[in-house]
PDB file of N, CA and C in Angstrom:
ATOM      1  N   MET A   1       0.964  -0.810  -0.061  1.00  0.00           N
ATOM      2  CA  MET A   1      -0.260  -0.133  -0.088  1.00  0.00           C
ATOM      3  C   MET A   1       0.804   1.487   0.094  1.00  0.00           C
ATOM      4  N   THR A   2       0.526   1.923  -0.366  1.00  0.00           N
ATOM      5  CA  THR A   2       0.868   3.570  -0.877  1.00  0.00           C
ATOM      6  C   THR A   2       0.207   4.596   0.390  1.00  0.00           C
ATOM      7  N   ASN A   3       0.651   5.823   0.198  1.00  0.00           N
ATOM      8  CA  ASN A   3       0.068   6.824   1.423  1.00  0.00           C
ATOM      9  C   ASN A   3      -0.512   7.129   0.582  1.00  0.00           C
ATOM     10  N   SER A   4      -1.565   7.052  -0.496  1.00  0.00           N
ATOM     11  CA  SER A   4      -2.176   7.202  -1.315  1.00  0.00           C
ATOM     12  C   SER A   4      -3.679   6.677  -1.444  1.00  0.00           C
ATOM     13  N   GLY A   5      -3.314   4.892  -0.743  1.00  0.00           N
ATOM     14  CA  GLY A   5      -4.157   3.944  -0.611  1.00  0.00           C
ATOM     15  C   GLY A   5      -4.234   3.403  -1.864  1.00  0.00           C
ATOM     16  N   LYS A   6      -3.444   3.286  -3.038  1.00  0.00           N
ATOM     17  CA  LYS A   6      -3.329   2.434  -4.017  1.00  0.00           C
ATOM     18  C   LYS A   6      -2.428   1.200  -3.636  1.00  0.00           C
ATOM     19  N   HIS A   7      -2.946   0.121  -4.429  1.00  0.00           N
ATOM     20  CA  HIS A   7      -1.898  -1.026  -4.281  1.00  0.00           C
ATOM     21  C   HIS A   7      -0.432  -0.786  -5.096  1.00  0.00           C
ATOM     22  N   VAL A   8       0.104  -1.218  -4.466  1.00  0.00           N
ATOM     23  CA  VAL A   8       1.656  -1.030  -5.237  1.00  0.00           C
ATOM     24  C   VAL A   8       1.444  -3.216  -5.173  1.00  0.00           C
ATOM     25  N   HIS A   9       1.716  -3.470  -6.579  1.00  0.00           N
ATOM     26  CA  HIS A   9       2.235  -5.004  -6.931  1.00  0.00           C
ATOM     27  C   HIS A   9       4.177  -5.050  -7.053  1.00  0.00           C
ATOM     28  N   ASN A  10       4.648  -5.988  -6.062  1.00  0.00           N
ATOM     29  CA  ASN A  10       6.066  -5.773  -6.563  1.00  0.00           C
ATOM     30  C   ASN A  10       5.925  -7.477  -6.980  1.00  0.00           C
ATOM     31  N   GLY A  11       5.747  -8.142  -7.826  1.00  0.00           N
ATOM     32  CA  GLY A  11       5.494  -9.074  -8.476  1.00  0.00           C
ATOM     33  C   GLY A  11       4.394 -10.300  -8.283  1.00  0.00           C
ATOM     34  N   ARG A  12       4.822 -11.141  -9.086  1.00  0.00           N
ATOM     35  CA  ARG A  12       3.742 -12.654  -8.104  1.00  0.00           C
ATOM     36  C   ARG A  12       4.118 -13.545  -7.176  1.00  0.00           C
ATOM     37  N   TYR A  13       4.561 -14.341  -6.617  1.00  0.00           N
ATOM     38  CA  TYR A  13       4.989 -15.284  -5.791  1.00  0.00           C
ATOM     39  C   TYR A  13       4.935 -16.236  -7.103  1.00  0.00           C
ATOM     40  N   ASN A  14       3.986 -16.847  -7.712  1.00  0.00           N
ATOM     41  CA  ASN A  14       3.648 -17.573  -8.258  1.00  0.00           C
ATOM     42  C   ASN A  14       4.962 -17.919  -9.507  1.00  0.00           C
ATOM     43  N   GLU A  15       5.195 -16.685  -9.954  1.00  0.00           N
ATOM     44  CA  GLU A  15       6.045 -16.138 -11.101  1.00  0.00           C
ATOM     45  C   GLU A  15       7.610 -16.601 -10.791  1.00  0.00           C
ATOM     46  N   ILE A  16       7.868 -16.654  -9.611  1.00  0.00           N
ATOM     47  CA  ILE A  16       9.304 -16.725  -8.930  1.00  0.00           C
ATOM     48  C   ILE A  16       9.718 -18.381  -8.255  1.00  0.00           C
ATOM     49  N   THR A  17       8.582 -18.767  -7.530  1.00  0.00           N
ATOM     50  CA  THR A  17       8.693 -20.117  -6.789  1.00  0.00           C
ATOM     51  C   THR A  17       7.627 -21.220  -7.508  1.00  0.00           C
ATOM     52  N   ASN A  18       9.111 -22.284  -7.515  1.00  0.00           N
ATOM     53  CA  ASN A  18       8.271 -23.661  -7.550  1.00  0.00           C
ATOM     54  C   ASN A  18       6.962 -23.858  -7.058  1.00  0.00           C
ATOM     55  N   VAL A  19       5.842 -23.828  -7.449  1.00  0.00           N
ATOM     56  CA  VAL A  19       4.954 -23.678  -6.145  1.00  0.00           C
ATOM     57  C   VAL A  19       4.210 -25.569  -5.479  1.00  0.00           C
ATOM     58  N   LYS A  20       4.264 -26.332  -6.417  1.00  0.00           N
ATOM     59  CA  LYS A  20       4.449 -27.868  -5.782  1.00  0.00           C
ATOM     60  C   LYS A  20       5.885 -28.222  -5.575  1.00  0.00           C
ATOM     61  N   LEU A  21       6.747 -28.220  -5.420  1.00  0.00           N
ATOM     62  CA  LEU A  21       8.080 -28.155  -4.610  1.00  0.00           C
ATOM     63  C   LEU A  21       7.753 -27.748  -3.349  1.00  0.00           C
ATOM     64  N   VAL A  22       7.433 -26.152  -3.430  1.00  0.00           N
ATOM     65  CA  VAL A  22       7.103 -25.781  -1.875  1.00  0.00           C
ATOM     66  C   VAL A  22       6.744 -26.380  -1.164  1.00  0.00           C
ATOM     67  N   LEU A  23       5.106 -26.820  -1.598  1.00  0.00           N
ATOM     68  CA  LEU A  23       4.148 -27.064  -0.799  1.00  0.00           C
ATOM     69  C   LEU A  23       4.379 -28.823  -0.496  1.00  0.00           C
ATOM     70  N   SER A  24       5.076 -29.243  -1.808  1.00  0.00           N
ATOM     71  CA  SER A  24       5.255 -30.410  -1.606  1.00  0.00           C
ATOM     72  C   SER A  24       6.439 -30.884  -0.245  1.00  0.00           C
ATOM     73  N   ILE A  25       6.978 -29.658  -0.152  1.00  0.00           N
ATOM     74  CA  ILE A  25       8.351 -30.339   1.411  1.00  0.00           C
ATOM     75  C   ILE A  25       7.204 -29.415   2.710  1.00  0.00           C
ATOM     76  N   ILE A  26       6.754 -28.922   2.643  1.00  0.00           N
ATOM     77  CA  ILE A  26       5.990 -28.327   4.087  1.00  0.00           C
ATOM     78  C   ILE A  26       5.060 -29.399   5.243  1.00  0.00           C
ATOM     79  N   GLU A  27       5.471 -29.933   5.935  1.00  0.00           N
ATOM     80  CA  GLU A  27       5.601 -30.411   6.907  1.00  0.00           C
ATOM     81  C   GLU A  27       4.079 -30.616   7.619  1.00  0.00           C
ATOM     82  N   HIS A  28       3.004 -31.200   6.727  1.00  0.00           N
ATOM     83  CA  HIS A  28       2.041 -31.160   7.927  1.00  0.00           C
ATOM     84  C   HIS A  28       0.732 -32.417   7.634  1.00  0.00           C
ATOM     85  N   LYS A  29       0.079 -32.238   8.536  1.00  0.00           N
ATOM     86  CA  LYS A  29      -1.020 -33.418   8.806  1.00  0.00           C
ATOM     87  C   LYS A  29      -2.452 -33.228   8.883  1.00  0.00           C
ATOM     88  N   LYS A  30      -2.550 -33.635   8.291  1.00  0.00           N
ATOM     89  CA  LYS A  30      -3.980 -33.732   7.891  1.00  0.00           C
ATOM     90  C   LYS A  30      -4.836 -33.627   9.517  1.00  0.00           C
ATOM     91  N   GLY A  31      -5.925 -32.095   9.620  1.00  0.00           N
ATOM     92  CA  GLY A  31      -5.713 -31.240  10.842  1.00  0.00           C
ATOM     93  C   GLY A  31      -5.660 -29.890  10.510  1.00  0.00           C
ATOM     94  N   ASP A  32      -4.071 -29.764  10.547  1.00  0.00           N
ATOM     95  CA  ASP A  32      -3.282 -28.555  10.252  1.00  0.00           C
ATOM     96  C   ASP A  32      -4.249 -27.256  10.251  1.00  0.00           C
ATOM     97  N   ILE A  33      -3.570 -26.206  10.772  1.00  0.00           N
ATOM     98  CA  ILE A  33      -4.222 -25.149  10.189  1.00  0.00           C
ATOM     99  C   ILE A  33      -3.110 -24.602   9.816  1.00  0.00           C
ATOM    100  N   PHE A  34      -3.333 -23.817   7.883  1.00  0.00           N
ATOM    101  CA  PHE A  34      -1.990 -23.613   7.458  1.00  0.00           C
ATOM    102  C   PHE A  34      -2.527 -21.965   7.399  1.00  0.00           C
ATOM    103  N   LEU A  35      -1.638 -20.578   7.563  1.00  0.00           N
ATOM    104  CA  LEU A  35      -1.892 -19.445   8.017  1.00  0.00           C
ATOM    105  C   LEU A  35      -1.358 -19.028   6.413  1.00  0.00           C
ATOM    106  N   TYR A  36      -1.738 -18.805   5.435  1.00  0.00           N
ATOM    107  CA  TYR A  36      -1.478 -18.207   4.489  1.00  0.00           C
ATOM    108  C   TYR A  36      -1.876 -16.244   3.862  1.00  0.00           C
ATOM    109  N   THR A  37      -0.318 -15.495   4.167  1.00  0.00           N
ATOM    110  CA  THR A  37      -0.597 -14.186   4.445  1.00  0.00           C
ATOM    111  C   THR A  37      -0.723 -13.868   2.857  1.00  0.00           C
ATOM    112  N   ARG A  38      -0.855 -12.705   2.446  1.00  0.00           N
ATOM    113  CA  ARG A  38      -0.711 -12.233   1.212  1.00  0.00           C
ATOM    114  C   ARG A  38      -1.275 -12.803  -0.032  1.00  0.00           C
ATOM    115  N   SER A  39      -2.338 -12.869   0.450  1.00  0.00           N
ATOM    116  CA  SER A  39      -2.614 -14.417  -0.413  1.00  0.00           C
ATOM    117  C   SER A  39      -3.520 -13.875  -2.045  1.00  0.00           C
ATOM    118  N   GLY A  40      -4.156 -12.768  -1.773  1.00  0.00           N
ATOM    119  CA  GLY A  40      -5.117 -12.326  -2.471  1.00  0.00           C
ATOM    120  C   GLY A  40      -4.134 -12.082  -4.445  1.00  0.00           C
ATOM    121  N   ASP A  41      -4.057 -11.002  -4.857  1.00  0.00           N
ATOM    122  CA  ASP A  41      -3.458 -11.241  -6.264  1.00  0.00           C
ATOM    123  C   ASP A  41      -2.208 -11.981  -6.683  1.00  0.00           C
ATOM    124  N   GLU A  42      -1.820 -12.133  -5.621  1.00  0.00           N
ATOM    125  CA  GLU A  42      -0.419 -12.870  -5.498  1.00  0.00           C
ATOM    126  C   GLU A  42      -0.520 -13.877  -5.057  1.00  0.00           C
ATOM    127  N   TYR A  43      -1.884 -14.818  -5.091  1.00  0.00           N
ATOM    128  CA  TYR A  43      -2.199 -16.331  -4.488  1.00  0.00           C
ATOM    129  C   TYR A  43      -1.124 -17.487  -4.847  1.00  0.00           C
ATOM    130  N   ILE A  44      -1.112 -17.774  -4.126  1.00  0.00           N
ATOM    131  CA  ILE A  44      -0.505 -19.892  -5.440  1.00  0.00           C
ATOM    132  C   ILE A  44      -1.403 -20.299  -5.623  1.00  0.00           C
ATOM    133  N   SER A  45      -1.144 -20.729  -7.166  1.00  0.00           N
ATOM    134  CA  SER A  45      -2.449 -21.463  -7.682  1.00  0.00           C
ATOM    135  C   SER A  45      -3.316 -22.781  -6.849  1.00  0.00           C
ATOM    136  N   LEU A  46      -4.052 -22.402  -7.025  1.00  0.00           N
ATOM    137  CA  LEU A  46      -5.556 -23.315  -6.710  1.00  0.00           C
ATOM    138  C   LEU A  46      -4.532 -24.843  -7.205  1.00  0.00           C
ATOM    139  N   THR A  47      -4.849 -24.703  -8.134  1.00  0.00           N
ATOM    140  CA  THR A  47      -4.297 -26.013  -9.003  1.00  0.00           C
ATOM    141  C   THR A  47      -3.502 -27.193  -8.377  1.00  0.00           C
ATOM    142  N   ASP A  48      -2.017 -25.799  -8.443  1.00  0.00           N
ATOM    143  CA  ASP A  48      -0.759 -26.459  -7.278  1.00  0.00           C
ATOM    144  C   ASP A  48      -1.236 -26.749  -6.168  1.00  0.00           C
ATOM    145  N   SER A  49      -1.681 -26.328  -5.447  1.00  0.00           N
ATOM    146  CA  SER A  49      -1.958 -26.312  -4.382  1.00  0.00           C
ATOM    147  C   SER A  49      -3.122 -27.445  -3.711  1.00  0.00           C
ATOM    148  N   LYS A  50      -3.507 -27.792  -4.513  1.00  0.00           N
ATOM    149  CA  LYS A  50      -4.629 -29.087  -3.501  1.00  0.00           C
ATOM    150  C   LYS A  50      -3.704 -29.877  -3.172  1.00  0.00           C
ATOM    151  N   ILE A  51      -2.420 -29.996  -2.947  1.00  0.00           N
ATOM    152  CA  ILE A  51      -1.773 -31.614  -2.345  1.00  0.00           C
ATOM    153  C   ILE A  51      -1.824 -30.888  -1.265  1.00  0.00           C
ATOM    154  N   VAL A  52      -1.955 -29.351  -0.964  1.00  0.00           N
ATOM    155  CA  VAL A  52      -2.170 -29.016   0.601  1.00  0.00           C
ATOM    156  C   VAL A  52      -3.394 -29.067   1.297  1.00  0.00           C
ATOM    157  N   TRP A  53      -4.719 -27.874   0.068  1.00  0.00           N
ATOM    158  CA  TRP A  53      -5.492 -28.022   0.580  1.00  0.00           C
ATOM    159  C   TRP A  53      -6.506 -29.008   1.199  1.00  0.00           C
ATOM    160  N   ASP A  54      -6.872 -30.127   0.442  1.00  0.00           N
ATOM    161  CA  ASP A  54      -7.381 -31.305   0.285  1.00  0.00           C
ATOM    162  C   ASP A  54      -7.161 -31.961   2.221  1.00  0.00           C
ATOM    163  N   GLU A  55      -6.304 -31.204   2.396  1.00  0.00           N
ATOM    164  CA  GLU A  55      -6.003 -31.656   4.273  1.00  0.00           C
ATOM    165  C   GLU A  55      -5.815 -30.989   5.534  1.00  0.00           C
ATOM    166  N   VAL A  56      -5.705 -29.875   4.935  1.00  0.00           N
ATOM    167  CA  VAL A  56      -5.662 -29.137   6.430  1.00  0.00           C
ATOM    168  C   VAL A  56      -6.768 -27.629   5.557  1.00  0.00           C
ATOM    169  N   LYS A  57      -6.981 -26.666   7.227  1.00  0.00           N
ATOM    170  CA  LYS A  57      -7.692 -25.736   7.261  1.00  0.00           C
ATOM    171  C   LYS A  57      -6.708 -24.683   6.617  1.00  0.00           C
ATOM    172  N   VAL A  58      -6.962 -24.092   6.178  1.00  0.00           N
ATOM    173  CA  VAL A  58      -6.302 -22.331   5.543  1.00  0.00           C
ATOM    174  C   VAL A  58      -6.937 -21.351   5.757  1.00  0.00           C
ATOM    175  N   ASN A  59      -6.124 -20.593   6.430  1.00  0.00           N
ATOM    176  CA  ASN A  59      -6.791 -19.060   6.845  1.00  0.00           C
ATOM    177  C   ASN A  59      -5.934 -17.995   5.754  1.00  0.00           C
ATOM    178  N   ALA A  60      -6.653 -17.826   4.744  1.00  0.00           N
ATOM    179  CA  ALA A  60      -6.004 -16.686   3.513  1.00  0.00           C
ATOM    180  C   ALA A  60      -6.194 -15.682   4.167  1.00  0.00           C
ATOM    181  N   ILE A  61      -5.214 -14.734   4.391  1.00  0.00           N
ATOM    182  CA  ILE A  61      -5.322 -13.232   4.826  1.00  0.00           C
ATOM    183  C   ILE A  61      -4.378 -12.398   3.327  1.00  0.00           C
ATOM    184  N   ASP A  62      -4.956 -11.177   3.162  1.00  0.00           N
ATOM    185  CA  ASP A  62      -4.314  -9.953   2.548  1.00  0.00           C
ATOM    186  C   ASP A  62      -4.852  -9.119   2.989  1.00  0.00           C
ATOM    187  N   VAL A  63      -4.127  -7.862   2.999  1.00  0.00           N
ATOM    188  CA  VAL A  63      -4.794  -6.545   3.507  1.00  0.00           C
ATOM    189  C   VAL A  63      -5.306  -5.582   1.979  1.00  0.00           C
ATOM    190  N   TRP A  64      -5.271  -6.422   0.736  1.00  0.00           N
ATOM    191  CA  TRP A  64      -6.351  -5.258  -0.296  1.00  0.00           C
ATOM    192  C   TRP A  64      -6.973  -6.456  -0.304  1.00  0.00           C
ATOM    193  N   GLU A  65      -8.177  -5.277  -0.278  1.00  0.00           N
ATOM    194  CA  GLU A  65      -9.564  -6.099   0.215  1.00  0.00           C
ATOM    195  C   GLU A  65      -9.900  -6.212  -1.581  1.00  0.00           C
ATOM    196  N   GLU A  66      -9.636  -5.852  -2.352  1.00  0.00           N
ATOM    197  CA  GLU A  66     -10.128  -6.579  -4.007  1.00  0.00           C
ATOM    198  C   GLU A  66      -9.495  -7.369  -4.115  1.00  0.00           C
ATOM    199  N   SER A  67      -8.060  -7.543  -3.533  1.00  0.00           N
ATOM    200  CA  SER A  67      -7.647  -9.192  -4.073  1.00  0.00           C
ATOM    201  C   SER A  67      -8.065 -10.617  -3.344  1.00  0.00           C
ATOM    202  N   ILE A  68      -8.536  -9.950  -2.054  1.00  0.00           N
ATOM    203  CA  ILE A  68      -9.634 -10.886  -1.633  1.00  0.00           C
ATOM    204  C   ILE A  68     -10.836 -11.495  -1.291  1.00  0.00           C
ATOM    205  N   PHE A  69     -11.221 -10.778  -2.234  1.00  0.00           N
ATOM    206  CA  PHE A  69     -12.969 -10.207  -3.848  1.00  0.00           C
ATOM    207  C   PHE A  69     -12.485 -11.142  -4.143  1.00  0.00           C
ATOM    208  N   ASN A  70     -11.647 -11.233  -5.616  1.00  0.00           N
ATOM    209  CA  ASN A  70     -10.901 -12.171  -6.495  1.00  0.00           C
ATOM    210  C   ASN A  70     -10.789 -13.313  -5.336  1.00  0.00           C
ATOM    211  N   PHE A  71     -10.306 -13.561  -4.388  1.00  0.00           N
ATOM    212  CA  PHE A  71      -9.782 -14.502  -3.846  1.00  0.00           C
ATOM    213  C   PHE A  71     -10.653 -15.501  -3.556  1.00  0.00           C
ATOM    214  N   LYS A  72     -11.803 -14.993  -3.422  1.00  0.00           N
ATOM    215  CA  LYS A  72     -12.598 -16.124  -2.455  1.00  0.00           C
ATOM    216  C   LYS A  72     -13.870 -16.105  -3.740  1.00  0.00           C
ATOM    217  N   GLY A  73     -13.550 -15.123  -4.678  1.00  0.00           N
ATOM    218  CA  GLY A  73     -14.399 -15.918  -6.237  1.00  0.00           C
ATOM    219  C   GLY A  73     -13.451 -17.328  -6.475  1.00  0.00           C
ATOM    220  N   GLU A  74     -12.339 -17.151  -6.604  1.00  0.00           N
ATOM    221  CA  GLU A  74     -11.305 -18.342  -7.041  1.00  0.00           C
ATOM    222  C   GLU A  74     -11.805 -19.453  -6.010  1.00  0.00           C
ATOM    223  N   ILE A  75     -11.849 -19.270  -4.651  1.00  0.00           N
ATOM    224  CA  ILE A  75     -12.038 -20.154  -3.960  1.00  0.00           C
ATOM    225  C   ILE A  75     -13.594 -21.193  -4.517  1.00  0.00           C
ATOM    226  N   GLY A  76     -14.017 -20.191  -4.595  1.00  0.00           N
ATOM    227  CA  GLY A  76     -15.828 -20.269  -4.923  1.00  0.00           C
ATOM    228  C   GLY A  76     -15.968 -21.472  -6.225  1.00  0.00           C
ATOM    229  N   LYS A  77     -15.418 -21.005  -6.874  1.00  0.00           N
ATOM    230  CA  LYS A  77     -15.453 -21.858  -8.196  1.00  0.00           C
ATOM    231  C   LYS A  77     -14.627 -23.216  -7.509  1.00  0.00           C
ATOM    232  N   GLU A  78     -13.522 -23.211  -7.045  1.00  0.00           N
ATOM    233  CA  GLU A  78     -13.437 -24.762  -7.225  1.00  0.00           C
ATOM    234  C   GLU A  78     -14.032 -24.939  -5.864  1.00  0.00           C
ATOM    235  N   ASN A  79     -14.859 -25.029  -5.321  1.00  0.00           N
ATOM    236  CA  ASN A  79     -15.631 -25.352  -4.312  1.00  0.00           C
ATOM    237  C   ASN A  79     -14.766 -25.748  -2.973  1.00  0.00           C
ATOM    238  N   PHE A  80     -13.308 -25.337  -3.154  1.00  0.00           N
ATOM    239  CA  PHE A  80     -12.552 -25.296  -1.576  1.00  0.00           C
ATOM    240  C   PHE A  80     -13.616 -24.870  -0.031  1.00  0.00           C
ATOM    241  N   GLU A  81     -13.830 -26.019   0.205  1.00  0.00           N
ATOM    242  CA  GLU A  81     -14.629 -25.732   1.975  1.00  0.00           C
ATOM    243  C   GLU A  81     -13.849 -25.280   2.641  1.00  0.00           C
ATOM    244  N   ASP A  82     -12.235 -25.178   2.713  1.00  0.00           N
ATOM    245  CA  ASP A  82     -11.687 -25.669   3.563  1.00  0.00           C
ATOM    246  C   ASP A  82     -11.075 -24.351   3.770  1.00  0.00           C
ATOM    247  N   ILE A  83     -10.940 -23.094   3.282  1.00  0.00           N
ATOM    248  CA  ILE A  83      -9.964 -22.108   2.811  1.00  0.00           C
ATOM    249  C   ILE A  83     -11.223 -21.288   3.128  1.00  0.00           C
ATOM    250  N   ASP A  84     -10.559 -20.143   4.484  1.00  0.00           N
ATOM    251  CA  ASP A  84     -11.292 -18.723   4.532  1.00  0.00           C
ATOM    252  C   ASP A  84     -10.726 -17.620   3.801  1.00  0.00           C
ATOM    253  N   ALA A  85     -10.989 -16.526   3.193  1.00  0.00           N
ATOM    254  CA  ALA A  85     -10.493 -15.849   2.427  1.00  0.00           C
ATOM    255  C   ALA A  85     -10.579 -14.421   3.862  1.00  0.00           C
ATOM    256  N   ILE A  86      -9.720 -13.675   4.427  1.00  0.00           N
ATOM    257  CA  ILE A  86      -9.956 -12.738   5.162  1.00  0.00           C
ATOM    258  C   ILE A  86      -8.975 -11.401   4.746  1.00  0.00           C
ATOM    259  N   PHE A  87      -9.878 -10.156   5.444  1.00  0.00           N
ATOM    260  CA  PHE A  87      -9.888  -8.994   4.491  1.00  0.00           C
ATOM    261  C   PHE A  87      -8.739  -8.619   6.100  1.00  0.00           C
ATOM    262  N   ALA A  88      -7.087  -8.287   5.837  1.00  0.00           N
ATOM    263  CA  ALA A  88      -7.003  -7.465   7.618  1.00  0.00           C
ATOM    264  C   ALA A  88      -5.264  -8.018   7.108  1.00  0.00           C
ATOM    265  N   ASP A  89      -4.745  -7.170   7.890  1.00  0.00           N
ATOM    266  CA  ASP A  89      -3.368  -6.495   7.961  1.00  0.00           C
ATOM    267  C   ASP A  89      -2.890  -6.882   9.131  1.00  0.00           C
ATOM    268  N   ILE A  90      -2.010  -8.449   9.124  1.00  0.00           N
ATOM    269  CA  ILE A  90      -1.501  -8.826   9.873  1.00  0.00           C
ATOM    270  C   ILE A  90      -0.354  -8.318  10.581  1.00  0.00           C
ATOM    271  N   THR A  91       0.260  -7.229   9.732  1.00  0.00           N
ATOM    272  CA  THR A  91       0.956  -6.667  10.352  1.00  0.00           C
ATOM    273  C   THR A  91       1.348  -5.429  11.528  1.00  0.00           C
ATOM    274  N   LEU A  92      -0.346  -5.520  11.840  1.00  0.00           N
ATOM    275  CA  LEU A  92      -0.491  -4.324  12.213  1.00  0.00           C
ATOM    276  C   LEU A  92      -0.332  -5.014  13.623  1.00  0.00           C
ATOM    277  N   LYS A  93      -0.724  -6.483  14.077  1.00  0.00           N
ATOM    278  CA  LYS A  93      -0.436  -7.182  15.260  1.00  0.00           C
ATOM    279  C   LYS A  93       0.167  -7.381  15.631  1.00  0.00           C
ATOM    280  N   ILE A  94       1.358  -7.985  14.229  1.00  0.00           N
ATOM    281  CA  ILE A  94       2.943  -8.677  14.673  1.00  0.00           C
ATOM    282  C   ILE A  94       3.718  -6.908  15.213  1.00  0.00           C
ATOM    283  N   HIS A  95       3.388  -5.684  14.297  1.00  0.00           N
ATOM    284  CA  HIS A  95       3.990  -4.593  15.062  1.00  0.00           C
ATOM    285  C   HIS A  95       3.828  -4.540  16.795  1.00  0.00           C
ATOM    286  N   LYS A  96       2.849  -5.008  16.923  1.00  0.00           N
ATOM    287  CA  LYS A  96       2.386  -4.432  18.451  1.00  0.00           C
ATOM    288  C   LYS A  96       2.964  -5.427  19.382  1.00  0.00           C
ATOM    289  N   THR A  97       3.273  -6.882  18.721  1.00  0.00           N
ATOM    290  CA  THR A  97       3.451  -7.637  20.445  1.00  0.00           C
ATOM    291  C   THR A  97       5.462  -7.873  19.875  1.00  0.00           C
ATOM    292  N   ARG A  98       5.581  -7.005  19.228  1.00  0.00           N
ATOM    293  CA  ARG A  98       7.344  -7.102  19.757  1.00  0.00           C
ATOM    294  C   ARG A  98       7.580  -6.134  20.684  1.00  0.00           C
TER     295      ARG A  98
END
């Protein structure tokens, strides 16, 4: 975000990250909760991530409201029941707890 309130992109994670590799090495077990920040416009490909989403609960959080709105649409199209897309700024809590 800038002071003007406009969203600024710094690139897309799925352009520079091997998503399948990253998600395959996450040590998770059925029933775990996965916190996924900056999930809006830069979300990990839902197709690539099914190896994780099918087994765990996902709380997907982004500070950009339009991105979360779009992400919720993608979740709905794919019928993912265990992903909650949440509009929030987690850095506010992080800074307050230091």
